[in-house]
Amino acid sequence: MKYAAAISAAIVLFAAPALADGDAAKGENVFKKCRACHEIGEGAKVKVGPVLNGVIGRTAGTSEGFTKYSDAMKEAGAGGLVWNEETLAQYLADPKQFVPKNKMAFAGLKKEDDIADVIAYLKQFPQ
């Protein structure tokens, strides 16, 4: 059992989609699927989901002005989940599997290129 943490970390590392450098312009187009619930950029406002400015580096379940996170998402953040390229890639591929019982109704992006492109787009908005 003393190796369980190392084995779990290895499984997560190797299960993560391989990230290529995404194309932010293509990511802006893919992000249209997200706009029903999320805004990003100057003047972005909270909608059904949180504003995604500064999501890279943010602790899961925390966003100024957004109060409707699921208990599962808040617990994931309290447990150390921070959004980076790898964790976002896993979440965007299958939100319900990555954070079970979260509120996001989106089924996920199935193409690795779309995921990389959206992440490249999100990276343009550090705050």
C-alpha atoms as a PDB file:
ATOM      1  CA  MET A   1       0.000   0.000   0.000  1.00  0.00           C
ATOM      2  CA  LYS A   2       2.894   2.402   0.520  1.00  0.00           C
ATOM      3  CA  TYR A   3       3.290   2.658  -3.252  1.00  0.00           C
ATOM      4  CA  ALA A   4      -0.374   3.414  -3.890  1.00  0.00           C
ATOM      5  CA  ALA A   5       0.165   7.174  -4.188  1.00  0.00           C
ATOM      6  CA  ALA A   6       3.009   6.743  -6.678  1.00  0.00           C
ATOM      7  CA  ILE A   7       0.992   4.268  -8.725  1.00  0.00           C
ATOM      8  CA  SER A   8      -2.041   6.575  -8.699  1.00  0.00           C
ATOM      9  CA  ALA A   9       0.104   9.507  -9.817  1.00  0.00           C
ATOM     10  CA  ALA A  10       1.584   7.433 -12.641  1.00  0.00           C
ATOM     11  CA  ILE A  11      -1.869   6.347 -13.797  1.00  0.00           C
ATOM     12  CA  VAL A  12      -3.074   9.961 -13.890  1.00  0.00           C
ATOM     13  CA  LEU A  13       0.075  11.073 -15.707  1.00  0.00           C
ATOM     14  CA  PHE A  14      -0.142   8.416 -18.388  1.00  0.00           C
ATOM     15  CA  ALA A  15      -3.926   8.592 -18.715  1.00  0.00           C
ATOM     16  CA  ALA A  16      -3.837  12.308 -19.509  1.00  0.00           C
ATOM     17  CA  PRO A  17      -4.232  13.196 -23.162  1.00  0.00           C
ATOM     18  CA  ALA A  18      -0.991  14.164 -24.840  1.00  0.00           C
ATOM     19  CA  LEU A  19      -1.133  17.905 -25.323  1.00  0.00           C
ATOM     20  CA  ALA A  20       0.176  19.429 -28.466  1.00  0.00           C
ATOM     21  CA  ASP A  21       0.518  23.165 -28.768  1.00  0.00           C
ATOM     22  CA  GLY A  22      -2.971  24.345 -29.502  1.00  0.00           C
ATOM     23  CA  ASP A  23      -4.140  27.009 -31.907  1.00  0.00           C
ATOM     24  CA  ALA A  24      -5.835  29.833 -29.988  1.00  0.00           C
ATOM     25  CA  ALA A  25      -7.732  31.063 -33.066  1.00  0.00           C
ATOM     26  CA  LYS A  26      -9.244  27.613 -33.567  1.00  0.00           C
ATOM     27  CA  GLY A  27      -9.839  27.433 -29.819  1.00  0.00           C
ATOM     28  CA  GLU A  28     -11.915  30.602 -29.951  1.00  0.00           C
ATOM     29  CA  ASN A  29     -14.174  28.849 -32.454  1.00  0.00           C
ATOM     30  CA  VAL A  30     -14.405  25.669 -30.335  1.00  0.00           C
ATOM     31  CA  PHE A  31     -15.127  27.829 -27.271  1.00  0.00           C
ATOM     32  CA  LYS A  32     -18.451  28.797 -28.862  1.00  0.00           C
ATOM     33  CA  LYS A  33     -19.723  25.507 -27.390  1.00  0.00           C
ATOM     34  CA  CYS A  34     -18.930  26.916 -23.936  1.00  0.00           C
ATOM     35  CA  ARG A  35     -20.455  30.380 -24.346  1.00  0.00           C
ATOM     36  CA  ALA A  36     -23.951  29.328 -23.284  1.00  0.00           C
ATOM     37  CA  CYS A  37     -22.606  29.043 -19.732  1.00  0.00           C
ATOM     38  CA  HIS A  38     -19.210  30.800 -19.611  1.00  0.00           C
ATOM     39  CA  GLU A  39     -17.755  34.162 -20.597  1.00  0.00           C
ATOM     40  CA  ILE A  40     -14.126  35.104 -21.051  1.00  0.00           C
ATOM     41  CA  GLY A  41     -12.313  38.297 -21.890  1.00  0.00           C
ATOM     42  CA  GLU A  42     -12.669  41.933 -20.946  1.00  0.00           C
ATOM     43  CA  GLY A  43     -16.019  42.672 -19.364  1.00  0.00           C
ATOM     44  CA  ALA A  44     -16.883  38.988 -18.886  1.00  0.00           C
ATOM     45  CA  LYS A  45     -19.719  38.349 -16.462  1.00  0.00           C
ATOM     46  CA  VAL A  46     -20.788  35.343 -14.428  1.00  0.00           C
ATOM     47  CA  LYS A  47     -23.448  33.322 -16.208  1.00  0.00           C
ATOM     48  CA  VAL A  48     -24.583  29.771 -15.441  1.00  0.00           C
ATOM     49  CA  GLY A  49     -20.890  28.962 -14.974  1.00  0.00           C
ATOM     50  CA  PRO A  50     -17.943  31.028 -13.753  1.00  0.00           C
ATOM     51  CA  VAL A  51     -15.956  33.540 -15.777  1.00  0.00           C
ATOM     52  CA  LEU A  52     -12.951  31.738 -17.235  1.00  0.00           C
ATOM     53  CA  ASN A  53     -10.443  34.590 -17.139  1.00  0.00           C
ATOM     54  CA  GLY A  54      -7.480  33.323 -15.143  1.00  0.00           C
ATOM     55  CA  VAL A  55      -8.696  29.733 -15.023  1.00  0.00           C
ATOM     56  CA  ILE A  56      -5.158  28.448 -15.679  1.00  0.00           C
ATOM     57  CA  GLY A  57      -3.561  28.320 -12.234  1.00  0.00           C
ATOM     58  CA  ARG A  58      -6.863  28.685 -10.369  1.00  0.00           C
ATOM     59  CA  THR A  59      -7.868  26.254  -7.649  1.00  0.00           C
ATOM     60  CA  ALA A  60     -10.936  24.274  -8.725  1.00  0.00           C
ATOM     61  CA  GLY A  61     -14.174  25.468  -7.179  1.00  0.00           C
ATOM     62  CA  THR A  62     -12.992  29.032  -6.719  1.00  0.00           C
ATOM     63  CA  SER A  63     -13.810  32.009  -8.886  1.00  0.00           C
ATOM     64  CA  GLU A  64     -14.575  35.511  -7.723  1.00  0.00           C
ATOM     65  CA  GLY A  65     -18.280  36.201  -8.022  1.00  0.00           C
ATOM     66  CA  PHE A  66     -19.366  32.624  -8.741  1.00  0.00           C
ATOM     67  CA  THR A  67     -21.173  30.943  -5.857  1.00  0.00           C
ATOM     68  CA  LYS A  68     -22.915  27.957  -7.440  1.00  0.00           C
ATOM     69  CA  TYR A  69     -20.085  25.420  -7.497  1.00  0.00           C
ATOM     70  CA  SER A  70     -21.086  21.854  -6.698  1.00  0.00           C
ATOM     71  CA  ASP A  71     -19.857  20.358  -3.465  1.00  0.00           C
ATOM     72  CA  ALA A  72     -17.826  17.955  -5.623  1.00  0.00           C
ATOM     73  CA  MET A  73     -15.967  20.805  -7.338  1.00  0.00           C
ATOM     74  CA  LYS A  74     -15.325  22.634  -4.063  1.00  0.00           C
ATOM     75  CA  GLU A  75     -14.049  19.401  -2.520  1.00  0.00           C
ATOM     76  CA  ALA A  76     -11.780  18.802  -5.531  1.00  0.00           C
ATOM     77  CA  GLY A  77     -10.260  22.250  -5.028  1.00  0.00           C
ATOM     78  CA  ALA A  78      -9.903  21.722  -1.286  1.00  0.00           C
ATOM     79  CA  GLY A  79      -8.165  18.456  -2.130  1.00  0.00           C
ATOM     80  CA  GLY A  80      -5.576  20.266  -4.231  1.00  0.00           C
ATOM     81  CA  LEU A  81      -6.994  20.318  -7.773  1.00  0.00           C
ATOM     82  CA  VAL A  82      -5.545  23.294  -9.625  1.00  0.00           C
ATOM     83  CA  TRP A  83      -6.395  23.950 -13.261  1.00  0.00           C
ATOM     84  CA  ASN A  84      -3.380  23.621 -15.520  1.00  0.00           C
ATOM     85  CA  GLU A  85      -3.052  22.330 -19.069  1.00  0.00           C
ATOM     86  CA  GLU A  86      -3.064  18.691 -17.995  1.00  0.00           C
ATOM     87  CA  THR A  87      -5.952  18.876 -15.531  1.00  0.00           C
ATOM     88  CA  LEU A  88      -8.031  21.010 -17.908  1.00  0.00           C
ATOM     89  CA  ALA A  89      -7.392  18.544 -20.735  1.00  0.00           C
ATOM     90  CA  GLN A  90      -8.665  15.681 -18.611  1.00  0.00           C
ATOM     91  CA  TYR A  91     -11.663  17.676 -17.416  1.00  0.00           C
ATOM     92  CA  LEU A  92     -12.611  18.945 -20.863  1.00  0.00           C
ATOM     93  CA  ALA A  93     -12.443  15.426 -22.278  1.00  0.00           C
ATOM     94  CA  ASP A  94     -14.896  14.039 -19.709  1.00  0.00           C
ATOM     95  CA  PRO A  95     -16.058  16.435 -16.981  1.00  0.00           C
ATOM     96  CA  LYS A  96     -18.268  13.915 -15.177  1.00  0.00           C
ATOM     97  CA  GLN A  97     -15.516  11.319 -14.949  1.00  0.00           C
ATOM     98  CA  PHE A  98     -12.781  13.760 -13.905  1.00  0.00           C
ATOM     99  CA  VAL A  99     -14.873  15.409 -11.158  1.00  0.00           C
ATOM    100  CA  PRO A 100     -17.809  13.082 -10.465  1.00  0.00           C
ATOM    101  CA  LYS A 101     -21.021  14.834  -9.362  1.00  0.00           C
ATOM    102  CA  ASN A 102     -19.961  18.246 -10.667  1.00  0.00           C
ATOM    103  CA  LYS A 103     -22.731  20.463 -12.065  1.00  0.00           C
ATOM    104  CA  MET A 104     -21.355  21.074 -15.551  1.00  0.00           C
ATOM    105  CA  ALA A 105     -23.837  19.570 -18.002  1.00  0.00           C
ATOM    106  CA  PHE A 106     -21.371  19.537 -20.915  1.00  0.00           C
ATOM    107  CA  ALA A 107     -20.455  16.030 -22.116  1.00  0.00           C
ATOM    108  CA  GLY A 108     -16.907  17.006 -23.057  1.00  0.00           C
ATOM    109  CA  LEU A 109     -14.724  17.547 -26.101  1.00  0.00           C
ATOM    110  CA  LYS A 110     -13.793  14.326 -27.862  1.00  0.00           C
ATOM    111  CA  LYS A 111     -11.019  15.579 -30.162  1.00  0.00           C
ATOM    112  CA  GLU A 112      -7.593  16.128 -28.595  1.00  0.00           C
ATOM    113  CA  ASP A 113      -6.942  18.963 -31.052  1.00  0.00           C
ATOM    114  CA  ASP A 114     -10.107  20.762 -29.908  1.00  0.00           C
ATOM    115  CA  ILE A 115      -9.020  20.399 -26.282  1.00  0.00           C
ATOM    116  CA  ALA A 116      -5.522  21.737 -27.010  1.00  0.00           C
ATOM    117  CA  ASP A 117      -6.997  24.607 -29.029  1.00  0.00           C
ATOM    118  CA  VAL A 118      -9.438  25.625 -26.270  1.00  0.00           C
ATOM    119  CA  ILE A 119      -6.643  25.542 -23.707  1.00  0.00           C
ATOM    120  CA  ALA A 120      -4.495  27.743 -25.968  1.00  0.00           C
ATOM    121  CA  TYR A 121      -7.450  30.148 -26.200  1.00  0.00           C
ATOM    122  CA  LEU A 122      -7.991  30.166 -22.415  1.00  0.00           C
ATOM    123  CA  LYS A 123      -4.304  30.914 -21.858  1.00  0.00           C
ATOM    124  CA  GLN A 124      -4.773  34.263 -23.615  1.00  0.00           C
ATOM    125  CA  PHE A 125      -6.862  35.484 -20.658  1.00  0.00           C
ATOM    126  CA  PRO A 126      -4.687  35.246 -17.547  1.00  0.00           C
ATOM    127  CA  GLN A 127      -6.945  37.661 -15.615  1.00  0.00           C
END
